[in-house]
Amino acid sequence: MEESKDISINFYRNLGKLFYAIAAADKNVRDEEYNKLKEIVKADWLPIDDIEDSFGTDTAYQIEIVFDWLRKEDEYDAKTCFDNFIDYKKNNEHLFTDKIKQLIMKTASAIASSFSGKNKSELIMLANLNIQLHKTQ
C-alpha cells in the first residue's frame, strides 16, 4: 500500500472515531446520528480525494465503517475515542487544513444536532473539539 493510502485510511478511521465520540457523548448513539453521518460522508467527504482502499472503495467510507463498528461493539467510550482522535491530530497536523477543520466541525455539529438538538454533553465535546482543532503544537 502506498504511503498516501495509509495516511488517508488512518485519517478517515480516526474521523470515524471522532464522530462516534460526538454521537456517544450522551452515552446513546441513535440511528439518526448514523444516518446524518452517512449523508455528510456522501455529500462532503467523498469528493475530497480519489484514494481507494484495497477493495476499490473510496477511503472516505472508512469514516462510516469505523463509526458503525464502534456503535455495534458498544464497548468504547466517547472520551477514549475523542482522545484517540486528538492524539492522531497532534501527530499529523499537516493533514488538518482550514478546510478540513471546517468540515470536521460541520460534520460533528450536524451529528450532534440530528436528534432533538445538541445536549450538554455534546456541546461540551464540540467546544473542546473546536479548541483542539485550532491548537497548534
Protein backbone atom coordinates (compact mmCIF):
# COMPACT_ATOMS: atom_id res chain seq x y z
CA MET A 1 0.00 0.00 0.00
CA GLU A 2 1.26 3.47 -0.83
CA GLU A 3 2.11 5.85 1.98
CA SER A 4 -0.63 8.31 0.93
CA LYS A 5 -3.20 5.49 1.08
CA ASP A 6 -2.02 4.53 4.56
CA ILE A 7 -2.28 8.13 5.73
CA SER A 8 -5.68 8.56 4.13
CA ILE A 9 -7.12 5.37 5.57
CA ASN A 10 -5.83 6.20 9.07
CA PHE A 11 -7.08 9.76 8.70
CA TYR A 12 -10.60 8.63 7.85
CA ARG A 13 -10.61 5.91 10.50
CA ASN A 14 -9.71 8.48 13.12
CA LEU A 15 -12.50 10.73 11.89
CA GLY A 16 -14.84 7.78 12.37
CA LYS A 17 -13.68 7.57 16.00
CA LEU A 18 -14.22 11.29 16.47
CA PHE A 19 -17.71 11.33 15.01
CA TYR A 20 -18.63 8.27 17.06
CA ALA A 21 -17.39 10.13 20.15
CA ILE A 22 -19.65 13.08 19.35
CA ALA A 23 -22.66 10.78 18.89
CA ALA A 24 -21.79 8.77 22.03
CA ALA A 25 -21.17 11.82 24.23
CA ASP A 26 -24.60 11.34 25.80
CA LYS A 27 -23.99 7.56 26.07
CA ASN A 28 -26.64 6.83 23.45
CA VAL A 29 -25.85 6.58 19.71
CA ARG A 30 -29.03 6.90 17.69
CA ASP A 31 -29.84 5.84 14.13
CA GLU A 32 -30.49 9.48 13.24
CA GLU A 33 -26.88 10.31 14.12
CA TYR A 34 -25.51 7.49 11.98
CA ASN A 35 -27.82 8.40 9.09
CA LYS A 36 -26.70 12.04 9.27
CA LEU A 37 -23.07 10.90 9.19
CA LYS A 38 -23.69 8.78 6.09
CA GLU A 39 -25.40 11.72 4.39
CA ILE A 40 -22.46 14.05 5.08
CA VAL A 41 -19.83 11.48 4.10
CA LYS A 42 -21.52 11.08 0.74
CA ALA A 43 -22.02 14.80 0.13
CA ASP A 44 -18.87 16.30 1.64
CA TRP A 45 -16.15 13.75 2.43
CA LEU A 46 -16.17 11.57 -0.71
CA PRO A 47 -15.23 14.45 -3.03
CA ILE A 48 -12.08 15.29 -1.01
CA ASP A 49 -9.76 12.75 -2.64
CA ASP A 50 -9.81 9.84 -5.05
CA ILE A 51 -7.83 7.39 -2.94
CA GLU A 52 -9.31 3.91 -2.73
CA ASP A 53 -8.67 1.05 -0.33
CA SER A 54 -7.56 -2.42 -1.39
CA PHE A 55 -11.19 -3.29 -2.21
CA GLY A 56 -11.57 -0.37 -4.62
CA THR A 57 -13.78 1.58 -2.21
CA ASP A 58 -13.24 5.29 -1.58
CA THR A 59 -11.26 5.60 1.66
CA ALA A 60 -13.68 8.22 2.99
CA TYR A 61 -16.12 5.38 3.66
CA GLN A 62 -13.75 4.37 6.48
CA ILE A 63 -15.49 7.11 8.49
CA GLU A 64 -18.78 5.22 8.31
CA ILE A 65 -17.20 1.79 8.71
CA VAL A 66 -15.36 2.69 11.92
CA PHE A 67 -18.34 4.61 13.34
CA ASP A 68 -20.67 1.68 12.68
CA TRP A 69 -18.20 -0.84 14.09
CA LEU A 70 -17.77 1.18 17.29
CA ARG A 71 -21.54 1.54 17.58
CA LYS A 72 -22.10 -2.21 17.24
CA GLU A 73 -19.27 -3.13 19.60
CA ASP A 74 -20.65 -0.73 22.24
CA GLU A 75 -17.59 -1.12 24.43
CA TYR A 76 -15.69 2.05 23.56
CA ASP A 77 -16.50 5.21 25.42
CA ALA A 78 -16.74 8.63 23.85
CA LYS A 79 -13.82 10.09 25.80
CA THR A 80 -11.41 7.36 24.73
CA CYS A 81 -12.39 7.75 21.07
CA PHE A 82 -12.16 11.54 21.30
CA ASP A 83 -8.74 11.38 22.97
CA ASN A 84 -7.51 8.93 20.31
CA PHE A 85 -8.56 11.39 17.61
CA ILE A 86 -6.82 14.31 19.35
CA ASP A 87 -3.61 12.26 19.66
CA TYR A 88 -3.81 11.44 15.96
CA LYS A 89 -4.35 15.11 15.12
CA LYS A 90 -1.34 16.17 17.21
CA ASN A 91 0.86 13.70 15.34
CA ASN A 92 -0.49 14.64 11.90
CA GLU A 93 -1.03 18.40 11.98
CA HIS A 94 -0.19 18.71 8.28
CA LEU A 95 -3.41 16.88 7.34
CA PHE A 96 -5.62 19.39 9.13
CA THR A 97 -6.02 22.29 6.74
CA ASP A 98 -8.50 25.06 7.49
CA LYS A 99 -10.95 23.49 5.01
CA ILE A 100 -10.69 20.09 6.73
CA LYS A 101 -11.11 21.65 10.18
CA GLN A 102 -14.26 23.43 8.99
CA LEU A 103 -15.65 20.22 7.52
CA ILE A 104 -14.89 18.32 10.73
CA MET A 105 -16.76 20.91 12.79
CA LYS A 106 -19.66 20.96 10.30
CA THR A 107 -19.95 17.17 10.44
CA ALA A 108 -19.62 16.95 14.22
CA SER A 109 -22.20 19.69 14.72
CA ALA A 110 -24.66 18.07 12.31
CA ILE A 111 -24.34 14.72 14.07
CA ALA A 112 -24.94 16.35 17.45
CA SER A 113 -27.98 18.23 16.11
CA SER A 114 -29.53 15.28 14.28
CA PHE A 115 -31.57 14.02 17.22
CA SER A 116 -33.57 16.67 19.12
CA GLY A 117 -30.79 19.25 19.15
CA LYS A 118 -27.47 19.34 20.92
CA ASN A 119 -27.39 18.28 24.55
CA LYS A 120 -24.96 19.47 27.22
CA SER A 121 -22.50 16.56 26.74
CA GLU A 122 -22.36 17.14 23.00
CA LEU A 123 -21.96 20.90 23.39
CA ILE A 124 -19.02 20.40 25.74
CA MET A 125 -17.36 17.93 23.36
CA LEU A 126 -17.96 20.22 20.37
CA ALA A 127 -16.40 23.16 22.21
CA ASN A 128 -13.40 21.04 23.19
CA LEU A 129 -13.05 19.80 19.60
CA ASN A 130 -13.08 23.35 18.28
CA ILE A 131 -10.33 24.31 20.74
CA GLN A 132 -8.24 21.23 19.89
CA LEU A 133 -8.58 21.74 16.12
CA HIS A 134 -7.26 25.27 16.37
CA LYS A 135 -4.49 24.46 18.83
CA THR A 136 -1.05 24.02 17.28
CA GLN A 137 1.98 22.31 18.69
